[in-house]
N, C-alpha and C. Protein backbone atom coordinates (compact mmCIF):
# COMPACT_ATOMS: atom_id res chain seq x y z
N MET A 1 0.85 -1.19 0.00
CA MET A 1 0.00 0.00 0.00
C MET A 1 0.88 1.25 0.00
N LYS A 2 0.84 2.00 -1.05
CA LYS A 2 1.64 3.22 -1.13
C LYS A 2 0.75 4.37 -1.53
N ARG A 3 1.27 5.56 -1.41
CA ARG A 3 0.49 6.74 -1.73
C ARG A 3 0.95 7.36 -3.04
N LEU A 4 0.02 7.84 -3.78
CA LEU A 4 0.38 8.56 -5.00
C LEU A 4 1.05 9.87 -4.64
N PRO A 5 1.99 10.33 -5.47
CA PRO A 5 2.69 11.57 -5.17
C PRO A 5 1.76 12.77 -5.22
N SER A 6 2.04 13.75 -4.40
CA SER A 6 1.23 14.98 -4.35
C SER A 6 2.04 16.15 -4.86
N LEU A 7 1.49 16.91 -5.76
CA LEU A 7 2.18 18.05 -6.35
C LEU A 7 2.62 19.04 -5.29
N SER A 8 1.80 19.26 -4.26
CA SER A 8 2.08 20.32 -3.31
C SER A 8 3.07 19.93 -2.23
N GLY A 9 3.60 18.73 -2.27
CA GLY A 9 4.51 18.30 -1.23
C GLY A 9 5.96 18.34 -1.62
N TYR A 10 6.30 18.94 -2.74
CA TYR A 10 7.66 18.92 -3.23
C TYR A 10 8.42 20.21 -2.93
N GLY A 11 9.77 20.10 -2.95
CA GLY A 11 10.63 21.28 -2.84
C GLY A 11 10.65 21.88 -1.47
N LEU A 12 10.54 21.04 -0.42
CA LEU A 12 10.45 21.59 0.92
C LEU A 12 11.79 21.53 1.66
N GLY A 13 12.88 21.22 0.93
CA GLY A 13 14.17 21.10 1.58
C GLY A 13 14.95 22.39 1.69
N TRP A 14 14.36 23.48 1.25
CA TRP A 14 15.05 24.76 1.31
C TRP A 14 15.17 25.21 2.76
N SER A 15 16.26 25.90 3.08
CA SER A 15 16.42 26.44 4.43
C SER A 15 15.53 27.65 4.62
N THR A 16 15.25 27.96 5.88
CA THR A 16 14.43 29.13 6.17
C THR A 16 15.10 30.39 5.63
N ARG A 17 16.42 30.46 5.71
CA ARG A 17 17.13 31.65 5.21
C ARG A 17 16.89 31.84 3.73
N GLN A 18 16.95 30.75 2.95
CA GLN A 18 16.70 30.86 1.51
C GLN A 18 15.28 31.31 1.23
N ARG A 19 14.35 30.79 2.01
CA ARG A 19 12.94 31.11 1.79
C ARG A 19 12.64 32.59 2.03
N VAL A 20 13.25 33.17 3.06
CA VAL A 20 12.84 34.52 3.43
C VAL A 20 13.73 35.62 2.87
N THR A 21 14.87 35.25 2.28
CA THR A 21 15.79 36.29 1.81
C THR A 21 15.13 37.26 0.85
N VAL A 22 14.42 36.70 -0.15
CA VAL A 22 13.81 37.58 -1.14
C VAL A 22 12.71 38.43 -0.53
N ILE A 23 12.04 37.89 0.50
CA ILE A 23 10.97 38.66 1.13
C ILE A 23 11.56 39.77 1.99
N ALA A 24 12.61 39.44 2.71
CA ALA A 24 13.22 40.41 3.61
C ALA A 24 13.83 41.58 2.83
N THR A 25 14.31 41.29 1.61
CA THR A 25 14.90 42.35 0.79
C THR A 25 13.85 43.39 0.45
N GLY A 26 14.06 44.59 0.94
CA GLY A 26 13.15 45.68 0.62
C GLY A 26 11.91 45.74 1.47
N LEU A 27 11.72 44.79 2.41
CA LEU A 27 10.54 44.83 3.26
C LEU A 27 10.92 44.42 4.67
N ALA A 28 11.36 45.38 5.46
CA ALA A 28 11.88 45.09 6.79
C ALA A 28 10.84 44.45 7.69
N VAL A 29 9.58 44.72 7.44
CA VAL A 29 8.56 44.18 8.33
C VAL A 29 8.54 42.66 8.32
N LEU A 30 8.88 42.04 7.20
CA LEU A 30 8.84 40.58 7.15
C LEU A 30 10.03 39.93 7.83
N LEU A 31 11.01 40.73 8.24
CA LEU A 31 12.12 40.18 9.00
C LEU A 31 11.62 39.59 10.32
N ALA A 32 10.52 40.12 10.81
CA ALA A 32 9.97 39.61 12.06
C ALA A 32 9.53 38.16 11.92
N LEU A 33 9.26 37.74 10.71
CA LEU A 33 8.84 36.35 10.52
C LEU A 33 9.96 35.37 10.87
N ALA A 34 11.20 35.81 10.72
CA ALA A 34 12.31 34.90 10.93
C ALA A 34 12.37 34.37 12.35
N THR A 35 11.82 35.09 13.29
CA THR A 35 11.86 34.64 14.67
C THR A 35 10.66 33.79 15.04
N ALA A 36 9.68 33.71 14.14
CA ALA A 36 8.46 32.99 14.47
C ALA A 36 8.15 31.85 13.54
N VAL A 37 9.09 31.56 12.64
CA VAL A 37 8.76 30.61 11.59
C VAL A 37 9.35 29.23 11.83
N ALA A 38 8.70 28.27 11.26
CA ALA A 38 9.25 26.93 11.09
C ALA A 38 9.01 26.61 9.62
N LEU A 39 9.98 26.01 8.99
CA LEU A 39 9.87 25.78 7.56
C LEU A 39 8.61 25.01 7.23
N PHE A 40 7.88 25.55 6.25
CA PHE A 40 6.62 24.90 5.87
C PHE A 40 6.89 23.46 5.45
N THR A 41 6.27 22.53 6.16
CA THR A 41 6.48 21.12 5.86
C THR A 41 5.20 20.52 5.32
N GLY A 42 5.29 20.02 4.10
CA GLY A 42 4.11 19.38 3.51
C GLY A 42 4.06 17.92 3.89
N ARG A 43 2.91 17.37 3.77
CA ARG A 43 2.74 15.94 3.98
C ARG A 43 2.33 15.31 2.67
N SER A 44 2.67 14.04 2.54
CA SER A 44 2.32 13.34 1.30
C SER A 44 0.81 13.18 1.22
N THR A 45 0.35 12.87 0.04
CA THR A 45 -1.08 12.79 -0.22
C THR A 45 -1.75 11.74 0.63
N ALA A 46 -3.04 11.95 0.97
CA ALA A 46 -3.79 10.97 1.73
C ALA A 46 -3.82 9.65 1.00
N GLY A 47 -4.01 8.56 1.79
CA GLY A 47 -3.78 7.22 1.28
C GLY A 47 -4.76 6.73 0.25
N GLY A 48 -4.49 5.50 -0.17
CA GLY A 48 -5.28 4.86 -1.20
C GLY A 48 -4.39 3.86 -1.88
N ASP A 49 -4.92 2.93 -2.60
CA ASP A 49 -4.12 1.95 -3.32
C ASP A 49 -3.43 2.63 -4.48
N GLN A 50 -2.13 2.47 -4.57
CA GLN A 50 -1.39 3.05 -5.70
C GLN A 50 -1.36 2.06 -6.84
N ALA A 51 -1.59 2.55 -8.04
CA ALA A 51 -1.55 1.68 -9.21
C ALA A 51 -0.14 1.18 -9.44
N ALA A 52 -0.03 0.02 -10.09
CA ALA A 52 1.26 -0.65 -10.22
C ALA A 52 2.27 0.18 -10.97
N ALA A 53 1.86 0.94 -11.95
CA ALA A 53 2.80 1.71 -12.76
C ALA A 53 3.53 2.76 -11.96
N ALA A 54 2.98 3.18 -10.82
CA ALA A 54 3.63 4.22 -10.01
C ALA A 54 4.30 3.65 -8.79
N SER A 55 4.29 2.33 -8.63
CA SER A 55 4.77 1.73 -7.39
C SER A 55 6.27 1.85 -7.23
N SER A 56 7.00 2.08 -8.31
CA SER A 56 8.45 2.23 -8.22
C SER A 56 8.88 3.67 -8.26
N GLN A 57 8.02 4.58 -7.77
CA GLN A 57 8.30 6.01 -7.85
C GLN A 57 9.58 6.36 -7.11
N PRO A 58 10.34 7.36 -7.58
CA PRO A 58 11.56 7.79 -6.92
C PRO A 58 11.22 8.62 -5.70
N SER A 59 12.24 8.97 -4.94
CA SER A 59 12.03 9.82 -3.77
C SER A 59 11.56 11.19 -4.22
N SER A 60 10.98 11.96 -3.26
CA SER A 60 10.35 13.22 -3.63
C SER A 60 11.33 14.37 -3.72
N SER A 61 12.36 14.20 -4.51
CA SER A 61 13.30 15.28 -4.74
C SER A 61 12.90 15.98 -6.02
N THR A 62 13.14 17.29 -6.07
CA THR A 62 12.72 18.08 -7.21
C THR A 62 13.84 18.99 -7.65
N SER A 63 14.03 19.12 -8.94
CA SER A 63 15.04 20.03 -9.45
C SER A 63 14.63 21.47 -9.17
N VAL A 64 15.52 22.22 -8.52
CA VAL A 64 15.19 23.60 -8.18
C VAL A 64 15.43 24.54 -9.36
N SER A 65 15.97 24.01 -10.41
CA SER A 65 16.22 24.85 -11.58
C SER A 65 15.07 24.77 -12.56
N ALA A 66 13.94 24.23 -12.11
CA ALA A 66 12.80 24.03 -12.99
C ALA A 66 12.38 25.35 -13.63
N GLY A 67 12.08 25.27 -14.90
CA GLY A 67 11.60 26.45 -15.60
C GLY A 67 10.74 26.01 -16.76
N PRO A 68 9.69 26.76 -17.07
CA PRO A 68 8.80 26.37 -18.17
C PRO A 68 9.46 26.58 -19.52
N SER A 69 9.06 25.77 -20.48
CA SER A 69 9.50 25.98 -21.85
C SER A 69 8.98 27.31 -22.35
N ALA A 70 9.76 27.97 -23.17
CA ALA A 70 9.36 29.28 -23.68
C ALA A 70 8.07 29.21 -24.48
N SER A 71 7.78 28.04 -25.06
CA SER A 71 6.59 27.91 -25.89
C SER A 71 5.42 27.26 -25.17
N ALA A 72 5.61 26.93 -23.88
CA ALA A 72 4.57 26.21 -23.14
C ALA A 72 3.37 27.10 -22.88
N GLY A 73 2.18 26.51 -23.04
CA GLY A 73 0.97 27.20 -22.62
C GLY A 73 0.76 26.98 -21.14
N ALA A 74 -0.45 27.29 -20.67
CA ALA A 74 -0.73 27.16 -19.25
C ALA A 74 -1.59 25.95 -18.93
N GLY A 75 -1.99 25.18 -19.95
CA GLY A 75 -2.80 24.01 -19.70
C GLY A 75 -4.03 24.34 -18.88
N SER A 76 -4.28 23.53 -17.85
CA SER A 76 -5.45 23.73 -17.01
C SER A 76 -5.19 24.64 -15.82
N VAL A 77 -3.98 25.18 -15.70
CA VAL A 77 -3.64 26.03 -14.56
C VAL A 77 -4.47 27.32 -14.60
N ALA A 78 -5.08 27.65 -13.48
CA ALA A 78 -5.91 28.86 -13.41
C ALA A 78 -5.06 30.11 -13.65
N LYS A 79 -5.66 31.10 -14.26
CA LYS A 79 -4.98 32.37 -14.48
C LYS A 79 -5.08 33.24 -13.23
N PRO A 80 -4.08 34.10 -12.99
CA PRO A 80 -4.16 34.97 -11.81
C PRO A 80 -5.34 35.92 -11.90
N PRO A 81 -6.14 36.02 -10.87
CA PRO A 81 -7.32 36.90 -10.91
C PRO A 81 -6.92 38.36 -10.70
N PRO A 82 -7.66 39.30 -11.22
CA PRO A 82 -7.36 40.72 -11.04
C PRO A 82 -7.87 41.21 -9.69
N LEU A 83 -7.12 40.89 -8.64
CA LEU A 83 -7.52 41.23 -7.28
C LEU A 83 -6.52 42.19 -6.65
N ALA A 84 -7.02 43.10 -5.83
CA ALA A 84 -6.16 44.05 -5.13
C ALA A 84 -6.06 43.76 -3.65
N ASP A 85 -6.81 42.78 -3.17
CA ASP A 85 -6.81 42.43 -1.75
C ASP A 85 -5.85 41.26 -1.51
N PRO A 86 -4.84 41.41 -0.63
CA PRO A 86 -3.84 40.35 -0.42
C PRO A 86 -4.43 39.02 0.03
N VAL A 87 -5.41 39.07 0.94
CA VAL A 87 -5.99 37.84 1.46
C VAL A 87 -6.76 37.11 0.37
N ALA A 88 -7.57 37.83 -0.38
CA ALA A 88 -8.33 37.21 -1.47
C ALA A 88 -7.40 36.61 -2.52
N PHE A 89 -6.33 37.33 -2.85
CA PHE A 89 -5.39 36.82 -3.84
C PHE A 89 -4.66 35.59 -3.31
N ALA A 90 -4.28 35.61 -2.06
CA ALA A 90 -3.58 34.46 -1.48
C ALA A 90 -4.46 33.21 -1.50
N ARG A 91 -5.75 33.39 -1.25
CA ARG A 91 -6.68 32.26 -1.33
C ARG A 91 -6.66 31.65 -2.73
N ALA A 92 -6.72 32.51 -3.74
CA ALA A 92 -6.71 32.04 -5.12
C ALA A 92 -5.37 31.38 -5.47
N ALA A 93 -4.27 31.97 -5.00
CA ALA A 93 -2.95 31.43 -5.30
C ALA A 93 -2.75 30.07 -4.66
N ALA A 94 -3.20 29.89 -3.43
CA ALA A 94 -3.08 28.60 -2.76
C ALA A 94 -3.87 27.54 -3.50
N ALA A 95 -5.08 27.89 -3.93
CA ALA A 95 -5.90 26.94 -4.69
C ALA A 95 -5.19 26.54 -5.98
N MET A 96 -4.52 27.50 -6.62
CA MET A 96 -3.78 27.19 -7.83
C MET A 96 -2.62 26.24 -7.54
N LEU A 97 -1.88 26.50 -6.47
CA LEU A 97 -0.71 25.68 -6.13
C LEU A 97 -1.09 24.25 -5.75
N TRP A 98 -2.26 24.09 -5.16
CA TRP A 98 -2.70 22.77 -4.71
C TRP A 98 -3.50 22.01 -5.76
N SER A 99 -3.74 22.61 -6.91
CA SER A 99 -4.56 21.97 -7.95
C SER A 99 -3.72 21.68 -9.18
N TYR A 100 -3.99 20.56 -9.82
CA TYR A 100 -3.30 20.21 -11.06
C TYR A 100 -4.07 19.11 -11.76
N ASP A 101 -3.76 18.89 -13.02
CA ASP A 101 -4.44 17.85 -13.79
C ASP A 101 -3.47 17.32 -14.83
N THR A 102 -2.86 16.19 -14.53
CA THR A 102 -1.87 15.63 -15.47
C THR A 102 -2.53 15.06 -16.72
N ARG A 103 -3.86 14.97 -16.72
CA ARG A 103 -4.57 14.47 -17.91
C ARG A 103 -4.57 15.50 -19.02
N THR A 104 -4.53 16.76 -18.66
CA THR A 104 -4.67 17.84 -19.65
C THR A 104 -3.49 18.80 -19.68
N THR A 105 -2.58 18.65 -18.73
CA THR A 105 -1.52 19.66 -18.56
C THR A 105 -0.17 18.98 -18.46
N SER A 106 0.78 19.40 -19.28
CA SER A 106 2.14 18.88 -19.19
C SER A 106 2.88 19.57 -18.05
N ARG A 107 4.02 19.05 -17.71
CA ARG A 107 4.82 19.67 -16.65
C ARG A 107 5.24 21.09 -17.05
N ASP A 108 5.67 21.27 -18.28
CA ASP A 108 6.05 22.61 -18.73
C ASP A 108 4.87 23.57 -18.67
N GLU A 109 3.69 23.08 -19.03
CA GLU A 109 2.50 23.93 -18.96
C GLU A 109 2.16 24.28 -17.51
N GLN A 110 2.35 23.31 -16.62
CA GLN A 110 2.10 23.59 -15.20
C GLN A 110 3.02 24.69 -14.70
N LEU A 111 4.29 24.60 -15.03
CA LEU A 111 5.25 25.62 -14.62
C LEU A 111 4.93 26.98 -15.24
N ALA A 112 4.58 26.98 -16.52
CA ALA A 112 4.26 28.23 -17.20
C ALA A 112 3.04 28.88 -16.57
N GLY A 113 2.03 28.07 -16.25
CA GLY A 113 0.84 28.61 -15.62
C GLY A 113 1.12 29.19 -14.26
N MET A 114 1.98 28.52 -13.48
CA MET A 114 2.33 29.02 -12.16
C MET A 114 3.14 30.32 -12.26
N LYS A 115 4.04 30.37 -13.24
CA LYS A 115 4.89 31.56 -13.36
C LYS A 115 4.10 32.80 -13.72
N ALA A 116 2.94 32.63 -14.34
CA ALA A 116 2.10 33.78 -14.69
C ALA A 116 1.62 34.53 -13.44
N TRP A 117 1.65 33.87 -12.30
CA TRP A 117 1.23 34.50 -11.04
C TRP A 117 2.35 35.29 -10.38
N LEU A 118 3.58 35.11 -10.85
CA LEU A 118 4.74 35.68 -10.18
C LEU A 118 4.85 37.19 -10.42
N THR A 119 5.29 37.91 -9.39
CA THR A 119 5.51 39.34 -9.54
C THR A 119 6.55 39.61 -10.62
N SER A 120 6.36 40.70 -11.34
CA SER A 120 7.32 41.08 -12.38
C SER A 120 8.52 41.82 -11.80
N GLU A 121 8.48 42.13 -10.51
CA GLU A 121 9.59 42.82 -9.85
C GLU A 121 10.62 41.77 -9.42
N THR A 122 11.60 41.57 -10.28
CA THR A 122 12.53 40.45 -10.11
C THR A 122 13.35 40.52 -8.82
N GLN A 123 13.52 41.71 -8.27
CA GLN A 123 14.30 41.80 -7.03
C GLN A 123 13.58 41.17 -5.85
N TYR A 124 12.28 40.94 -5.99
CA TYR A 124 11.50 40.31 -4.92
C TYR A 124 11.06 38.89 -5.28
N ALA A 125 10.93 38.59 -6.55
CA ALA A 125 10.36 37.31 -6.97
C ALA A 125 11.26 36.14 -6.59
N ASP A 126 10.68 35.15 -5.93
CA ASP A 126 11.40 33.92 -5.56
C ASP A 126 10.77 32.76 -6.34
N TRP A 127 11.08 32.69 -7.63
CA TRP A 127 10.50 31.66 -8.48
C TRP A 127 10.89 30.26 -8.01
N SER A 128 12.09 30.10 -7.47
CA SER A 128 12.55 28.77 -7.05
C SER A 128 11.63 28.15 -6.01
N SER A 129 11.16 28.96 -5.06
CA SER A 129 10.30 28.42 -4.01
C SER A 129 8.96 27.95 -4.55
N ILE A 130 8.53 28.53 -5.66
CA ILE A 130 7.26 28.14 -6.28
C ILE A 130 7.47 26.96 -7.23
N ALA A 131 8.47 27.05 -8.09
CA ALA A 131 8.74 25.98 -9.06
C ALA A 131 9.10 24.67 -8.37
N ALA A 132 9.68 24.75 -7.18
CA ALA A 132 10.08 23.55 -6.46
C ALA A 132 8.89 22.71 -6.02
N GLN A 133 7.68 23.22 -6.16
CA GLN A 133 6.49 22.45 -5.82
C GLN A 133 6.15 21.42 -6.89
N VAL A 134 6.74 21.53 -8.06
CA VAL A 134 6.41 20.65 -9.17
C VAL A 134 7.37 19.46 -9.20
N PRO A 135 6.86 18.24 -9.30
CA PRO A 135 7.72 17.06 -9.35
C PRO A 135 8.66 17.08 -10.55
N ASP A 136 9.71 16.27 -10.47
CA ASP A 136 10.64 16.18 -11.59
C ASP A 136 9.94 15.52 -12.78
N PRO A 137 10.52 15.63 -13.97
CA PRO A 137 9.84 15.14 -15.18
C PRO A 137 9.45 13.66 -15.13
N VAL A 138 10.30 12.83 -14.55
CA VAL A 138 9.99 11.40 -14.50
C VAL A 138 8.76 11.14 -13.64
N LEU A 139 8.73 11.75 -12.48
CA LEU A 139 7.61 11.54 -11.57
C LEU A 139 6.33 12.14 -12.12
N TRP A 140 6.42 13.32 -12.76
CA TRP A 140 5.24 13.90 -13.39
C TRP A 140 4.69 12.94 -14.45
N SER A 141 5.58 12.31 -15.22
CA SER A 141 5.16 11.37 -16.24
C SER A 141 4.43 10.18 -15.63
N ARG A 142 4.91 9.70 -14.51
CA ARG A 142 4.25 8.57 -13.85
C ARG A 142 2.89 8.97 -13.29
N MET A 143 2.81 10.20 -12.78
CA MET A 143 1.51 10.70 -12.33
C MET A 143 0.54 10.78 -13.51
N ALA A 144 1.06 11.23 -14.66
CA ALA A 144 0.23 11.34 -15.86
C ALA A 144 -0.23 9.96 -16.34
N ASP A 145 0.63 8.96 -16.19
CA ASP A 145 0.25 7.60 -16.57
C ASP A 145 -0.97 7.13 -15.78
N GLN A 146 -1.13 7.65 -14.59
CA GLN A 146 -2.26 7.27 -13.74
C GLN A 146 -3.42 8.28 -13.80
N ASP A 147 -3.33 9.23 -14.75
CA ASP A 147 -4.39 10.24 -14.90
C ASP A 147 -4.64 10.97 -13.58
N GLN A 148 -3.59 11.27 -12.85
CA GLN A 148 -3.75 11.88 -11.53
C GLN A 148 -4.09 13.36 -11.64
N TYR A 149 -5.02 13.79 -10.82
CA TYR A 149 -5.38 15.20 -10.77
C TYR A 149 -5.82 15.57 -9.37
N ALA A 150 -5.79 16.86 -9.07
CA ALA A 150 -6.15 17.33 -7.73
C ALA A 150 -6.99 18.59 -7.84
N THR A 151 -7.99 18.67 -6.99
CA THR A 151 -8.80 19.87 -6.85
C THR A 151 -8.69 20.35 -5.41
N THR A 152 -9.09 21.59 -5.17
CA THR A 152 -8.85 22.19 -3.86
C THR A 152 -10.05 22.99 -3.38
N THR A 153 -10.29 22.92 -2.09
CA THR A 153 -11.26 23.79 -1.43
C THR A 153 -10.51 24.61 -0.39
N VAL A 154 -10.50 25.92 -0.54
CA VAL A 154 -9.86 26.80 0.44
C VAL A 154 -10.88 27.13 1.53
N THR A 155 -10.47 26.94 2.78
CA THR A 155 -11.39 27.16 3.89
C THR A 155 -11.17 28.47 4.63
N GLU A 156 -9.92 28.98 4.63
CA GLU A 156 -9.67 30.18 5.43
C GLU A 156 -8.33 30.79 5.03
N ALA A 157 -8.21 32.12 5.21
CA ALA A 157 -6.94 32.81 4.98
C ALA A 157 -6.87 34.01 5.91
N HIS A 158 -5.67 34.29 6.39
CA HIS A 158 -5.52 35.40 7.34
C HIS A 158 -4.06 35.86 7.36
N TYR A 159 -3.86 37.09 7.88
CA TYR A 159 -2.51 37.57 8.14
C TYR A 159 -2.01 36.90 9.43
N PRO A 160 -0.87 36.25 9.42
CA PRO A 160 -0.37 35.62 10.64
C PRO A 160 -0.02 36.67 11.70
N SER A 161 -0.06 36.25 12.95
CA SER A 161 0.12 37.19 14.05
C SER A 161 1.47 37.89 14.00
N ALA A 162 2.53 37.17 13.61
CA ALA A 162 3.86 37.79 13.55
C ALA A 162 3.89 38.94 12.56
N PHE A 163 3.21 38.76 11.43
CA PHE A 163 3.15 39.82 10.43
C PHE A 163 2.35 41.01 10.94
N LYS A 164 1.21 40.76 11.57
CA LYS A 164 0.38 41.85 12.07
C LYS A 164 1.11 42.63 13.17
N GLU A 165 1.83 41.92 14.03
CA GLU A 165 2.57 42.61 15.09
C GLU A 165 3.69 43.47 14.52
N ALA A 166 4.41 42.93 13.54
CA ALA A 166 5.49 43.69 12.93
C ALA A 166 4.94 44.91 12.19
N LEU A 167 3.82 44.75 11.54
CA LEU A 167 3.21 45.87 10.82
C LEU A 167 2.74 46.95 11.79
N ALA A 168 2.21 46.53 12.93
CA ALA A 168 1.77 47.50 13.94
C ALA A 168 2.96 48.26 14.51
N ASP A 169 4.10 47.59 14.63
CA ASP A 169 5.29 48.24 15.17
C ASP A 169 5.87 49.25 14.20
N ASP A 170 5.75 49.01 12.90
CA ASP A 170 6.33 49.89 11.89
C ASP A 170 5.42 49.92 10.66
N PRO A 171 4.31 50.64 10.72
CA PRO A 171 3.35 50.66 9.62
C PRO A 171 3.93 51.13 8.29
N ALA A 172 4.92 52.00 8.34
CA ALA A 172 5.47 52.55 7.10
C ALA A 172 6.32 51.54 6.34
N ALA A 173 6.76 50.47 7.01
CA ALA A 173 7.65 49.52 6.36
C ALA A 173 7.01 48.84 5.16
N ILE A 174 5.70 48.67 5.19
CA ILE A 174 5.02 47.98 4.10
C ILE A 174 5.10 48.75 2.79
N THR A 175 5.31 50.05 2.87
CA THR A 175 5.30 50.88 1.66
C THR A 175 6.55 50.72 0.81
N GLU A 176 7.56 49.99 1.30
CA GLU A 176 8.77 49.75 0.51
C GLU A 176 8.47 48.85 -0.68
N ALA A 177 7.79 47.74 -0.43
CA ALA A 177 7.51 46.79 -1.52
C ALA A 177 6.08 46.29 -1.52
N TYR A 178 5.28 46.66 -0.51
CA TYR A 178 3.89 46.24 -0.41
C TYR A 178 3.75 44.71 -0.51
N ILE A 179 4.58 44.01 0.26
CA ILE A 179 4.52 42.56 0.31
C ILE A 179 3.88 42.14 1.63
N TYR A 180 2.88 41.29 1.53
CA TYR A 180 2.11 40.84 2.68
C TYR A 180 2.29 39.34 2.88
N ALA A 181 2.33 38.91 4.13
CA ALA A 181 2.34 37.48 4.44
C ALA A 181 0.90 37.05 4.74
N VAL A 182 0.46 35.97 4.09
CA VAL A 182 -0.90 35.46 4.28
C VAL A 182 -0.83 33.94 4.44
N THR A 183 -1.43 33.44 5.49
CA THR A 183 -1.51 32.00 5.72
C THR A 183 -2.86 31.49 5.24
N VAL A 184 -2.84 30.45 4.43
CA VAL A 184 -4.06 29.90 3.83
C VAL A 184 -4.20 28.43 4.24
N THR A 185 -5.40 28.02 4.57
CA THR A 185 -5.68 26.61 4.86
C THR A 185 -6.77 26.11 3.92
N GLY A 186 -6.78 24.82 3.70
CA GLY A 186 -7.79 24.24 2.83
C GLY A 186 -7.67 22.74 2.78
N LYS A 187 -8.35 22.13 1.84
CA LYS A 187 -8.34 20.68 1.66
C LYS A 187 -8.08 20.36 0.20
N GLN A 188 -7.17 19.44 -0.02
CA GLN A 188 -6.83 18.99 -1.37
C GLN A 188 -7.42 17.60 -1.60
N GLN A 189 -8.15 17.46 -2.72
CA GLN A 189 -8.71 16.16 -3.09
C GLN A 189 -7.97 15.65 -4.31
N ILE A 190 -7.46 14.43 -4.23
CA ILE A 190 -6.67 13.86 -5.32
C ILE A 190 -7.36 12.60 -5.83
N ALA A 191 -7.35 12.39 -7.14
CA ALA A 191 -7.95 11.21 -7.74
C ALA A 191 -7.05 10.68 -8.83
N TRP A 192 -7.18 9.37 -9.11
CA TRP A 192 -6.41 8.74 -10.17
C TRP A 192 -7.20 7.55 -10.71
N LYS A 193 -6.61 6.80 -11.59
CA LYS A 193 -7.29 5.71 -12.29
C LYS A 193 -7.93 4.71 -11.34
N LYS A 194 -8.93 4.01 -11.86
CA LYS A 194 -9.59 2.91 -11.17
C LYS A 194 -10.23 3.34 -9.86
N GLY A 195 -10.70 4.58 -9.83
CA GLY A 195 -11.41 5.06 -8.66
C GLY A 195 -10.55 5.45 -7.48
N GLY A 196 -9.23 5.52 -7.67
CA GLY A 196 -8.37 5.92 -6.57
C GLY A 196 -8.62 7.35 -6.16
N ALA A 197 -8.61 7.60 -4.87
CA ALA A 197 -8.89 8.95 -4.39
C ALA A 197 -8.35 9.13 -2.99
N GLY A 198 -8.11 10.37 -2.61
CA GLY A 198 -7.66 10.69 -1.27
C GLY A 198 -7.86 12.17 -1.02
N ALA A 199 -7.79 12.57 0.23
CA ALA A 199 -7.95 13.98 0.59
C ALA A 199 -7.05 14.29 1.77
N GLU A 200 -6.62 15.54 1.86
CA GLU A 200 -5.73 15.94 2.95
C GLU A 200 -5.87 17.42 3.23
N ASP A 201 -5.81 17.78 4.49
CA ASP A 201 -5.80 19.18 4.87
C ASP A 201 -4.48 19.81 4.46
N ARG A 202 -4.51 21.07 4.03
CA ARG A 202 -3.31 21.79 3.60
C ARG A 202 -3.23 23.14 4.30
N SER A 203 -2.00 23.60 4.47
CA SER A 203 -1.75 24.93 5.01
C SER A 203 -0.47 25.47 4.41
N ILE A 204 -0.48 26.74 4.05
CA ILE A 204 0.70 27.34 3.42
C ILE A 204 0.71 28.83 3.74
N THR A 205 1.91 29.40 3.86
CA THR A 205 2.05 30.84 4.02
C THR A 205 2.68 31.41 2.76
N LEU A 206 2.00 32.37 2.17
CA LEU A 206 2.46 32.97 0.92
C LEU A 206 2.87 34.42 1.13
N ALA A 207 3.85 34.86 0.38
CA ALA A 207 4.22 36.28 0.31
C ALA A 207 3.57 36.83 -0.95
N VAL A 208 2.73 37.83 -0.79
CA VAL A 208 1.93 38.39 -1.87
C VAL A 208 2.22 39.87 -2.00
N GLN A 209 2.43 40.34 -3.21
CA GLN A 209 2.68 41.76 -3.45
C GLN A 209 1.42 42.42 -3.99
N CYS A 210 0.97 43.47 -3.32
CA CYS A 210 -0.23 44.20 -3.75
C CYS A 210 0.04 45.69 -3.65
N ARG A 211 0.62 46.25 -4.69
CA ARG A 211 0.88 47.69 -4.69
C ARG A 211 -0.43 48.44 -4.91
N PRO A 212 -0.52 49.68 -4.39
CA PRO A 212 -1.74 50.47 -4.59
C PRO A 212 -2.05 50.63 -6.07
N SER A 213 -3.33 50.56 -6.41
CA SER A 213 -3.81 50.74 -7.79
C SER A 213 -3.21 49.72 -8.75
N ALA A 214 -2.89 48.52 -8.24
CA ALA A 214 -2.36 47.46 -9.10
C ALA A 214 -2.90 46.12 -8.62
N ASN A 215 -2.98 45.16 -9.53
CA ASN A 215 -3.39 43.83 -9.14
C ASN A 215 -2.30 43.13 -8.34
N CYS A 216 -2.70 42.24 -7.46
CA CYS A 216 -1.74 41.50 -6.65
C CYS A 216 -0.98 40.47 -7.50
N SER A 217 0.16 40.05 -6.99
CA SER A 217 0.95 38.99 -7.63
C SER A 217 1.63 38.19 -6.54
N LEU A 218 2.12 37.03 -6.92
CA LEU A 218 2.76 36.11 -5.97
C LEU A 218 4.26 36.38 -5.91
N VAL A 219 4.80 36.44 -4.71
CA VAL A 219 6.23 36.68 -4.52
C VAL A 219 6.97 35.38 -4.21
N ALA A 220 6.45 34.62 -3.25
CA ALA A 220 7.17 33.43 -2.79
C ALA A 220 6.27 32.57 -1.92
N ILE A 221 6.69 31.34 -1.73
CA ILE A 221 6.14 30.52 -0.66
C ILE A 221 7.01 30.80 0.55
N ALA A 222 6.41 31.38 1.56
CA ALA A 222 7.15 31.83 2.73
C ALA A 222 7.16 30.73 3.79
N PRO A 223 7.99 30.92 4.82
CA PRO A 223 7.90 30.01 5.96
C PRO A 223 6.53 30.11 6.61
N SER A 224 6.09 29.03 7.24
CA SER A 224 4.82 29.10 7.96
C SER A 224 5.06 29.79 9.30
N VAL A 225 4.03 30.38 9.85
CA VAL A 225 4.17 31.17 11.06
C VAL A 225 3.08 30.85 12.05
N VAL A 226 3.26 31.31 13.27
CA VAL A 226 2.24 31.13 14.28
C VAL A 226 0.99 31.88 13.86
N PRO A 227 -0.17 31.22 13.81
CA PRO A 227 -1.38 31.87 13.35
C PRO A 227 -1.74 33.11 14.14
């Protein structure tokens, strides 16, 4: 009895320093997160019988140099919504990160779709922390062999206490880059061939950029924090 691989459980071996460096740059308020964080740790997908073709799956290591093909479309990946509210955008971004469909979307398309959510301000964008969520090409292929896909229900999103306290201490700090920390929780439902299915609770902290009079964008997957 083994579990099918989960898209959202990859790339979690980064150190806390690597995760927060891009956020801390230009936004002193998020430095407060460093004292309250534990590296976001994902869990593998909820159980179920794994089909034979995936039973020899490799360990959950992911290439951090992942990048979409220049010609790749976005497949079934949701497009970033035109939202100006950090919490609402973070809810949508988490749903995007936890959802995938190997039946209709290639790995390159998955990466391209995810990258469309990334901030265009390269000095803040931490693409590696987002791309690291996607399995390596071999494992993605095995997931596709099993027609594996995942849908998501987001249940709640909020500013973590460490972020709110830091913002209260220095309200002007947010105006440097307008990057907000938002913790999102939800449930991921995964299905595959022959009626295989599973579900698992999810939680993630995202760094979201929402400048005044502009739509929000995704900066990074941040460390998780005390709610």
